[in-house]
N, C-alpha and C. Protein backbone atom coordinates (compact mmCIF):
# COMPACT_ATOMS: atom_id res chain seq x y z
N UNK A 1 0.84 -1.17 -0.02
CA UNK A 1 0.00 -0.01 0.00
C UNK A 1 0.90 1.23 0.01
N UNK A 2 0.45 2.24 -0.73
CA UNK A 2 1.17 3.50 -0.75
C UNK A 2 0.19 4.58 -0.27
N UNK A 3 0.53 5.21 0.80
CA UNK A 3 -0.27 6.29 1.36
C UNK A 3 0.31 7.59 0.86
N UNK A 4 -0.59 8.52 0.50
CA UNK A 4 -0.11 9.78 -0.11
C UNK A 4 -0.99 10.93 0.33
N UNK A 5 -0.33 12.09 0.45
CA UNK A 5 -1.08 13.33 0.74
C UNK A 5 -0.41 14.50 0.06
N UNK A 6 -1.21 15.34 -0.54
CA UNK A 6 -0.71 16.64 -1.10
C UNK A 6 -0.99 17.69 -0.05
N UNK A 7 0.05 18.36 0.33
CA UNK A 7 -0.02 19.39 1.40
C UNK A 7 0.20 20.77 0.80
N UNK A 8 -0.81 21.61 0.81
CA UNK A 8 -0.69 23.00 0.40
C UNK A 8 -0.38 23.80 1.66
N UNK A 9 0.76 24.50 1.63
CA UNK A 9 1.19 25.25 2.83
C UNK A 9 1.12 26.74 2.54
N UNK A 10 0.29 27.48 3.26
CA UNK A 10 0.15 28.92 3.00
C UNK A 10 1.40 29.72 3.34
N UNK A 11 1.39 30.98 2.93
CA UNK A 11 2.53 31.87 3.18
C UNK A 11 2.71 32.17 4.63
N UNK A 12 3.90 32.60 4.97
CA UNK A 12 4.22 33.11 6.32
C UNK A 12 3.94 32.16 7.45
N UNK A 13 4.21 30.86 7.24
CA UNK A 13 4.18 29.92 8.37
C UNK A 13 5.63 29.66 8.79
N UNK A 14 5.87 29.54 10.05
CA UNK A 14 7.23 29.43 10.56
C UNK A 14 7.38 28.14 11.33
N UNK A 15 8.62 27.78 11.66
CA UNK A 15 8.90 26.55 12.42
C UNK A 15 8.16 26.54 13.77
N UNK A 16 7.91 27.71 14.30
CA UNK A 16 7.20 27.77 15.58
C UNK A 16 5.68 27.60 15.46
N UNK A 17 5.16 27.77 14.23
CA UNK A 17 3.73 27.62 13.95
C UNK A 17 3.51 26.85 12.66
N UNK A 18 4.02 25.64 12.55
CA UNK A 18 3.93 24.89 11.31
C UNK A 18 2.50 24.38 11.07
N UNK A 19 2.28 24.02 9.78
CA UNK A 19 1.00 23.36 9.47
C UNK A 19 1.19 21.86 9.77
N UNK A 20 0.20 21.27 10.46
CA UNK A 20 0.27 19.85 10.77
C UNK A 20 -0.71 19.11 9.84
N UNK A 21 -0.24 18.08 9.19
CA UNK A 21 -1.09 17.23 8.37
C UNK A 21 -0.93 15.80 8.91
N UNK A 22 -2.06 15.13 9.11
CA UNK A 22 -2.03 13.77 9.60
C UNK A 22 -2.24 12.82 8.41
N UNK A 23 -1.30 11.89 8.23
CA UNK A 23 -1.40 10.87 7.19
C UNK A 23 -1.76 9.52 7.85
N UNK A 24 -3.00 9.09 7.69
CA UNK A 24 -3.46 7.86 8.32
C UNK A 24 -2.82 6.68 7.55
N UNK A 25 -2.32 5.70 8.27
CA UNK A 25 -1.73 4.50 7.71
C UNK A 25 -2.26 3.30 8.46
N UNK A 26 -1.66 2.14 8.18
CA UNK A 26 -2.02 0.91 8.88
C UNK A 26 -0.84 0.40 9.65
N UNK A 27 -1.06 -0.64 10.44
CA UNK A 27 0.04 -1.30 11.13
C UNK A 27 0.88 -2.02 10.07
N UNK A 28 2.21 -1.90 10.22
CA UNK A 28 3.04 -2.60 9.25
C UNK A 28 4.45 -2.07 9.18
N UNK A 29 5.11 -2.34 8.08
CA UNK A 29 6.48 -2.00 7.83
C UNK A 29 6.58 -0.94 6.75
N UNK A 30 7.20 0.18 7.08
CA UNK A 30 7.46 1.22 6.08
C UNK A 30 8.67 0.77 5.27
N UNK A 31 8.49 0.70 3.95
CA UNK A 31 9.62 0.29 3.10
C UNK A 31 10.10 1.39 2.15
N UNK A 32 9.26 2.45 2.01
CA UNK A 32 9.64 3.53 1.09
C UNK A 32 9.04 4.84 1.56
N UNK A 33 9.80 5.92 1.42
CA UNK A 33 9.34 7.26 1.76
C UNK A 33 9.72 8.18 0.58
N UNK A 34 8.77 9.01 0.18
CA UNK A 34 9.02 10.01 -0.84
C UNK A 34 8.45 11.37 -0.42
N UNK A 35 9.24 12.38 -0.62
CA UNK A 35 8.80 13.75 -0.37
C UNK A 35 9.06 14.46 -1.69
N UNK A 36 7.99 14.79 -2.41
CA UNK A 36 8.03 15.29 -3.80
C UNK A 36 7.73 16.79 -3.79
N UNK A 37 8.77 17.56 -4.01
CA UNK A 37 8.69 19.02 -4.10
C UNK A 37 8.59 19.38 -5.58
N UNK A 38 7.49 20.04 -6.00
CA UNK A 38 7.41 20.51 -7.37
C UNK A 38 8.28 21.73 -7.54
N UNK A 39 8.53 22.18 -8.77
CA UNK A 39 9.30 23.42 -8.96
C UNK A 39 8.60 24.59 -8.32
N UNK A 40 9.35 25.47 -7.68
CA UNK A 40 8.75 26.69 -7.13
C UNK A 40 9.14 27.10 -5.74
N UNK A 41 9.22 26.15 -4.78
CA UNK A 41 9.48 26.60 -3.40
C UNK A 41 10.86 27.22 -3.15
N UNK A 42 11.80 26.94 -4.00
CA UNK A 42 13.14 27.54 -3.89
C UNK A 42 13.73 27.49 -2.49
N UNK A 43 13.53 26.35 -1.81
CA UNK A 43 14.11 26.17 -0.49
C UNK A 43 13.35 26.86 0.64
N UNK A 44 12.18 27.42 0.32
CA UNK A 44 11.43 28.13 1.36
C UNK A 44 10.39 27.26 2.06
N UNK A 45 10.04 26.08 1.46
CA UNK A 45 9.13 25.14 2.08
C UNK A 45 9.91 24.05 2.81
N UNK A 46 9.61 23.86 4.09
CA UNK A 46 10.31 22.89 4.93
C UNK A 46 9.37 21.78 5.32
N UNK A 47 9.91 20.57 5.45
CA UNK A 47 9.09 19.37 5.78
C UNK A 47 9.79 18.53 6.82
N UNK A 48 9.00 18.10 7.84
CA UNK A 48 9.50 17.12 8.83
C UNK A 48 8.37 16.09 9.00
N UNK A 49 8.72 14.83 9.24
CA UNK A 49 7.74 13.75 9.47
C UNK A 49 8.01 13.12 10.81
N UNK A 50 6.93 13.06 11.61
CA UNK A 50 6.96 12.54 12.96
C UNK A 50 6.10 11.32 13.15
N UNK A 51 6.48 10.51 14.14
CA UNK A 51 5.62 9.44 14.64
C UNK A 51 5.39 9.77 16.10
N UNK A 52 4.22 10.35 16.43
CA UNK A 52 3.97 10.84 17.76
C UNK A 52 4.86 12.03 18.01
N UNK A 53 5.58 12.02 19.12
CA UNK A 53 6.50 13.12 19.42
C UNK A 53 7.91 12.88 18.96
N UNK A 54 8.15 11.87 18.13
CA UNK A 54 9.49 11.50 17.71
C UNK A 54 9.67 11.82 16.21
N UNK A 55 10.70 12.66 15.95
CA UNK A 55 10.99 13.02 14.56
C UNK A 55 11.63 11.81 13.85
N UNK A 56 11.00 11.35 12.75
CA UNK A 56 11.50 10.20 12.00
C UNK A 56 12.40 10.62 10.86
N UNK A 57 11.84 11.52 10.01
CA UNK A 57 12.52 11.90 8.78
C UNK A 57 12.52 13.41 8.59
N UNK A 58 13.59 14.09 8.37
CA UNK A 58 14.94 13.51 8.50
C UNK A 58 15.23 13.08 9.92
N UNK A 59 16.14 12.16 10.05
CA UNK A 59 16.42 11.58 11.39
C UNK A 59 17.11 12.49 12.32
N UNK A 60 17.80 13.52 11.82
CA UNK A 60 18.49 14.46 12.69
C UNK A 60 17.49 15.41 13.32
N UNK A 61 17.38 15.40 14.61
CA UNK A 61 16.38 16.26 15.30
C UNK A 61 16.58 17.75 14.91
N UNK A 62 15.46 18.39 14.61
CA UNK A 62 15.50 19.82 14.28
C UNK A 62 15.75 20.11 12.81
N UNK A 63 16.25 19.14 12.06
CA UNK A 63 16.50 19.35 10.63
C UNK A 63 15.19 19.12 9.85
N UNK A 64 15.21 19.47 8.57
CA UNK A 64 14.01 19.37 7.73
C UNK A 64 14.46 19.14 6.29
N UNK A 65 13.51 18.65 5.45
CA UNK A 65 13.77 18.48 4.05
C UNK A 65 13.43 19.77 3.34
N UNK A 66 14.33 20.20 2.44
CA UNK A 66 14.06 21.34 1.55
C UNK A 66 14.66 21.01 0.18
N UNK A 67 14.03 21.43 -0.87
CA UNK A 67 14.56 21.32 -2.21
C UNK A 67 13.59 22.05 -3.15
N UNK A 68 13.82 21.94 -4.42
CA UNK A 68 13.00 22.61 -5.43
C UNK A 68 13.00 21.74 -6.66
N UNK A 69 11.79 21.29 -7.11
CA UNK A 69 11.67 20.51 -8.30
C UNK A 69 12.37 19.17 -8.22
N UNK A 70 12.26 18.53 -7.06
CA UNK A 70 12.97 17.25 -6.85
C UNK A 70 12.18 16.38 -5.91
N UNK A 71 12.22 15.10 -6.17
CA UNK A 71 11.57 14.12 -5.26
C UNK A 71 12.64 13.42 -4.42
N UNK A 72 12.61 13.68 -3.13
CA UNK A 72 13.49 12.98 -2.19
C UNK A 72 12.87 11.60 -1.96
N UNK A 73 13.59 10.53 -2.26
CA UNK A 73 13.05 9.17 -2.22
C UNK A 73 14.09 8.27 -1.56
N UNK A 74 13.64 7.48 -0.60
CA UNK A 74 14.60 6.54 0.04
C UNK A 74 13.84 5.34 0.61
N UNK A 75 14.56 4.21 0.69
CA UNK A 75 14.03 3.00 1.29
C UNK A 75 14.24 3.09 2.80
N UNK A 76 13.37 2.41 3.53
CA UNK A 76 13.49 2.36 4.97
C UNK A 76 12.92 0.99 5.42
N UNK A 77 13.12 0.66 6.66
CA UNK A 77 12.54 -0.54 7.26
C UNK A 77 12.08 -0.23 8.67
N UNK A 78 11.15 0.69 8.75
CA UNK A 78 10.58 1.12 10.01
C UNK A 78 9.34 0.31 10.34
N UNK A 79 9.34 -0.33 11.47
CA UNK A 79 8.13 -1.09 11.91
C UNK A 79 7.20 -0.15 12.65
N UNK A 80 6.00 0.03 12.13
CA UNK A 80 4.94 0.84 12.75
C UNK A 80 3.92 -0.13 13.29
N UNK A 81 4.04 -0.40 14.61
CA UNK A 81 3.24 -1.50 15.17
C UNK A 81 2.25 -1.13 16.25
N UNK A 82 2.30 0.11 16.70
CA UNK A 82 1.48 0.55 17.81
C UNK A 82 0.64 1.78 17.38
N UNK A 83 -0.65 1.77 17.76
CA UNK A 83 -1.50 2.92 17.45
C UNK A 83 -0.99 4.15 18.16
N UNK A 84 -1.27 5.33 17.69
CA UNK A 84 -2.14 5.63 16.56
C UNK A 84 -1.39 5.34 15.24
N UNK A 85 -2.11 4.80 14.30
CA UNK A 85 -1.54 4.46 13.00
C UNK A 85 -1.62 5.67 12.07
N UNK A 86 -0.68 6.55 12.25
CA UNK A 86 -0.61 7.77 11.50
C UNK A 86 0.80 8.34 11.60
N UNK A 87 1.12 9.23 10.65
CA UNK A 87 2.34 10.00 10.71
C UNK A 87 1.91 11.47 10.70
N UNK A 88 2.60 12.26 11.50
CA UNK A 88 2.30 13.73 11.55
C UNK A 88 3.38 14.40 10.71
N UNK A 89 2.89 15.13 9.70
CA UNK A 89 3.77 15.86 8.77
C UNK A 89 3.66 17.33 9.06
N UNK A 90 4.81 17.94 9.34
CA UNK A 90 4.83 19.38 9.67
C UNK A 90 5.50 20.12 8.50
N UNK A 91 4.82 21.15 8.02
CA UNK A 91 5.37 21.95 6.95
C UNK A 91 5.27 23.42 7.34
N UNK A 92 6.23 24.16 6.89
CA UNK A 92 6.16 25.65 7.01
C UNK A 92 6.79 26.27 5.81
N UNK A 93 6.29 27.46 5.48
CA UNK A 93 6.63 28.12 4.25
C UNK A 93 7.09 29.54 4.57
N UNK A 94 8.35 29.82 4.32
CA UNK A 94 8.88 31.14 4.64
C UNK A 94 8.66 32.16 3.48
N UNK A 95 8.02 31.71 2.43
CA UNK A 95 7.73 32.61 1.29
C UNK A 95 6.71 33.62 1.73
N UNK A 96 6.92 34.90 1.44
CA UNK A 96 5.98 35.92 1.81
C UNK A 96 4.99 36.24 0.70
N UNK A 97 5.16 35.57 -0.46
CA UNK A 97 4.30 35.86 -1.59
C UNK A 97 3.45 34.70 -2.07
N UNK A 98 4.03 33.47 -2.09
CA UNK A 98 3.34 32.33 -2.69
C UNK A 98 3.17 31.17 -1.71
N UNK A 99 2.01 30.53 -1.74
CA UNK A 99 1.81 29.27 -1.05
C UNK A 99 2.54 28.19 -1.86
N UNK A 100 2.98 27.13 -1.21
CA UNK A 100 3.66 26.05 -1.90
C UNK A 100 3.10 24.70 -1.46
N UNK A 101 3.25 23.73 -2.33
CA UNK A 101 2.75 22.37 -2.06
C UNK A 101 3.85 21.34 -2.07
N UNK A 102 3.61 20.24 -1.40
CA UNK A 102 4.53 19.13 -1.39
C UNK A 102 3.69 17.87 -1.28
N UNK A 103 4.10 16.79 -1.95
CA UNK A 103 3.40 15.51 -1.83
C UNK A 103 4.27 14.53 -1.04
N UNK A 104 3.70 13.93 -0.01
CA UNK A 104 4.39 12.95 0.80
C UNK A 104 3.76 11.58 0.54
N UNK A 105 4.60 10.62 0.20
CA UNK A 105 4.11 9.26 -0.02
C UNK A 105 4.89 8.29 0.87
N UNK A 106 4.16 7.35 1.49
CA UNK A 106 4.77 6.35 2.35
C UNK A 106 4.27 4.99 1.92
N UNK A 107 5.23 4.12 1.52
CA UNK A 107 4.89 2.75 1.13
C UNK A 107 5.02 1.83 2.33
N UNK A 108 3.97 1.01 2.53
CA UNK A 108 3.96 0.10 3.67
C UNK A 108 3.43 -1.28 3.24
N UNK A 109 3.88 -2.29 3.96
CA UNK A 109 3.30 -3.62 3.85
C UNK A 109 2.80 -3.99 5.24
N UNK A 110 1.64 -4.65 5.30
CA UNK A 110 1.03 -4.91 6.59
C UNK A 110 1.07 -6.39 6.99
N UNK A 111 1.23 -7.25 6.04
CA UNK A 111 1.30 -8.68 6.34
C UNK A 111 2.70 -9.12 6.63
N UNK A 112 2.88 -9.95 7.69
CA UNK A 112 4.23 -10.39 8.08
C UNK A 112 4.96 -11.10 6.93
N UNK A 113 4.24 -11.80 6.13
CA UNK A 113 4.89 -12.57 5.05
C UNK A 113 5.53 -11.59 4.05
N UNK A 114 4.91 -10.43 3.84
CA UNK A 114 5.46 -9.45 2.93
C UNK A 114 6.58 -8.65 3.61
N UNK A 115 6.48 -8.49 4.92
CA UNK A 115 7.57 -7.82 5.66
C UNK A 115 8.86 -8.60 5.45
N UNK A 116 8.76 -9.90 5.41
CA UNK A 116 9.97 -10.76 5.27
C UNK A 116 10.71 -10.43 3.97
N UNK A 117 9.99 -9.95 2.96
CA UNK A 117 10.63 -9.57 1.70
C UNK A 117 11.61 -8.44 1.89
N UNK A 118 11.30 -7.50 2.81
CA UNK A 118 12.12 -6.35 3.01
C UNK A 118 13.16 -6.56 4.13
N UNK A 119 13.04 -7.67 4.82
CA UNK A 119 13.99 -8.05 5.86
C UNK A 119 14.49 -9.48 5.57
N UNK A 120 15.15 -9.67 4.40
CA UNK A 120 15.45 -11.02 3.95
C UNK A 120 16.45 -11.82 4.79
N UNK A 121 17.24 -11.14 5.61
CA UNK A 121 18.24 -11.86 6.38
C UNK A 121 17.63 -12.52 7.64
N UNK A 122 16.41 -12.20 7.92
CA UNK A 122 15.73 -12.79 9.12
C UNK A 122 14.89 -13.98 8.71
N UNK A 123 14.93 -15.06 9.50
CA UNK A 123 14.02 -16.15 9.32
C UNK A 123 12.66 -15.70 9.85
N UNK A 124 11.61 -16.46 9.51
CA UNK A 124 10.25 -16.05 9.85
C UNK A 124 10.08 -15.99 11.38
N UNK A 125 10.63 -16.98 12.12
CA UNK A 125 10.54 -16.96 13.56
C UNK A 125 11.23 -15.76 14.16
N UNK A 126 12.39 -15.43 13.61
CA UNK A 126 13.13 -14.25 14.08
C UNK A 126 12.37 -12.99 13.79
N UNK A 127 11.75 -12.90 12.62
CA UNK A 127 10.93 -11.73 12.28
C UNK A 127 9.79 -11.55 13.25
N UNK A 128 9.10 -12.67 13.59
CA UNK A 128 8.00 -12.58 14.54
C UNK A 128 8.48 -12.11 15.93
N UNK A 129 9.68 -12.58 16.33
CA UNK A 129 10.24 -12.17 17.60
C UNK A 129 10.54 -10.65 17.59
N UNK A 130 11.14 -10.18 16.51
CA UNK A 130 11.47 -8.79 16.40
C UNK A 130 10.20 -7.94 16.41
N UNK A 131 9.19 -8.37 15.70
CA UNK A 131 7.91 -7.66 15.67
C UNK A 131 7.29 -7.57 17.08
N UNK A 132 7.38 -8.68 17.84
CA UNK A 132 6.82 -8.67 19.18
C UNK A 132 7.64 -7.70 20.08
N UNK A 133 8.96 -7.70 19.97
CA UNK A 133 9.78 -6.82 20.79
C UNK A 133 9.54 -5.37 20.42
N UNK A 134 9.47 -5.05 19.12
CA UNK A 134 9.21 -3.67 18.67
C UNK A 134 7.85 -3.22 19.15
N UNK A 135 6.84 -4.09 19.06
CA UNK A 135 5.51 -3.72 19.51
C UNK A 135 5.53 -3.35 20.96
N UNK A 136 6.17 -4.16 21.80
CA UNK A 136 6.25 -3.88 23.25
C UNK A 136 6.99 -2.56 23.50
N UNK A 137 8.10 -2.32 22.78
CA UNK A 137 8.87 -1.09 22.98
C UNK A 137 8.07 0.13 22.55
N UNK A 138 7.40 0.05 21.40
CA UNK A 138 6.61 1.20 20.93
C UNK A 138 5.43 1.48 21.85
N UNK A 139 4.83 0.42 22.38
CA UNK A 139 3.74 0.61 23.32
C UNK A 139 4.21 1.26 24.62
N UNK A 140 5.39 0.83 25.07
CA UNK A 140 5.98 1.44 26.28
C UNK A 140 6.24 2.93 26.09
N UNK A 141 6.81 3.30 24.92
CA UNK A 141 7.05 4.72 24.63
C UNK A 141 5.76 5.48 24.53
N UNK A 142 4.75 4.89 23.91
CA UNK A 142 3.45 5.57 23.78
C UNK A 142 2.86 5.82 25.13
N UNK A 143 2.92 4.87 26.04
CA UNK A 143 2.36 5.03 27.40
C UNK A 143 3.16 6.08 28.17
N UNK A 144 4.47 6.13 27.99
CA UNK A 144 5.29 7.15 28.65
C UNK A 144 4.87 8.54 28.26
N UNK A 145 4.59 8.73 26.99
CA UNK A 145 4.13 10.04 26.49
C UNK A 145 2.76 10.38 27.06
N UNK A 146 1.90 9.39 27.17
CA UNK A 146 0.54 9.63 27.68
C UNK A 146 0.64 9.99 29.19
N UNK A 147 1.53 9.33 29.93
CA UNK A 147 1.67 9.57 31.38
C UNK A 147 2.29 10.93 31.68
N UNK A 148 3.25 11.33 30.87
CA UNK A 148 3.92 12.62 31.10
C UNK A 148 4.09 13.32 29.73
N UNK A 149 3.01 13.87 29.17
CA UNK A 149 3.09 14.45 27.83
C UNK A 149 3.95 15.73 27.75
N UNK A 150 4.06 16.46 28.86
CA UNK A 150 4.81 17.69 28.82
C UNK A 150 6.02 17.63 29.74
N UNK A 151 6.97 16.86 29.37
CA UNK A 151 8.11 16.63 30.24
C UNK A 151 8.90 17.90 30.55
N UNK A 152 8.83 18.86 29.63
CA UNK A 152 9.56 20.10 29.84
C UNK A 152 8.97 20.97 30.94
N UNK A 153 7.75 20.69 31.40
CA UNK A 153 7.17 21.48 32.50
C UNK A 153 7.10 20.69 33.80
N UNK A 154 7.65 19.46 33.79
CA UNK A 154 7.71 18.66 34.99
C UNK A 154 8.86 19.16 35.84
N UNK A 155 8.72 19.25 37.17
CA UNK A 155 9.83 19.69 38.01
C UNK A 155 10.96 18.63 38.00
N UNK A 156 12.19 19.12 38.02
CA UNK A 156 13.32 18.24 38.13
C UNK A 156 13.36 17.61 39.51
N UNK A 157 14.03 16.47 39.62
CA UNK A 157 14.15 15.83 40.91
C UNK A 157 14.92 16.72 41.87
N UNK A 158 15.95 17.40 41.36
CA UNK A 158 16.78 18.32 42.17
C UNK A 158 15.93 19.42 42.81
N UNK A 159 15.00 19.98 41.99
CA UNK A 159 14.11 21.04 42.47
C UNK A 159 13.22 20.52 43.57
N UNK A 160 12.72 19.30 43.43
CA UNK A 160 11.83 18.71 44.44
C UNK A 160 12.57 18.54 45.74
N UNK A 161 13.85 18.08 45.66
CA UNK A 161 14.65 17.87 46.86
C UNK A 161 14.94 19.19 47.59
N UNK A 162 15.16 20.25 46.81
CA UNK A 162 15.43 21.57 47.37
C UNK A 162 14.26 22.11 48.14
N UNK A 163 13.05 21.83 47.63
CA UNK A 163 11.82 22.31 48.26
C UNK A 163 11.55 21.63 49.58
N UNK A 164 11.99 20.37 49.71
CA UNK A 164 11.81 19.62 50.94
C UNK A 164 12.79 20.06 51.96
């Protein structure tokens, strides 16, 4: 399955106030990612893709994709095993005159037998073990975010000790 969304980003949006677009997907393995910039943005349209609060692409935190008239395309093997089954795409446009668009496509397979095609060095039992481990890890991270969604406003342990 290939999930796709065309995102039109209005003028004067900044990194502090980006446009958020939700791309609904299914449980499975991401094998391909494409970010297709048509001619025109001249490096003024920025794109980041997140899974929950974690920046996935580009992998370097705080960085973003920019280009003009080019499709950034790469293979990946990301297991998306825990709800919510969506990717959050953040775009902002520093152009003061023109809105710009970008198309994001994500290729996924949802059946374990097809996942094995993209992870050929693993036997089927090993693949099932990895999927179970990844599912548990992703669920643990999801629950941690739910329990303390705003870690930056939680008091430090040192501050609590000083108050006592």
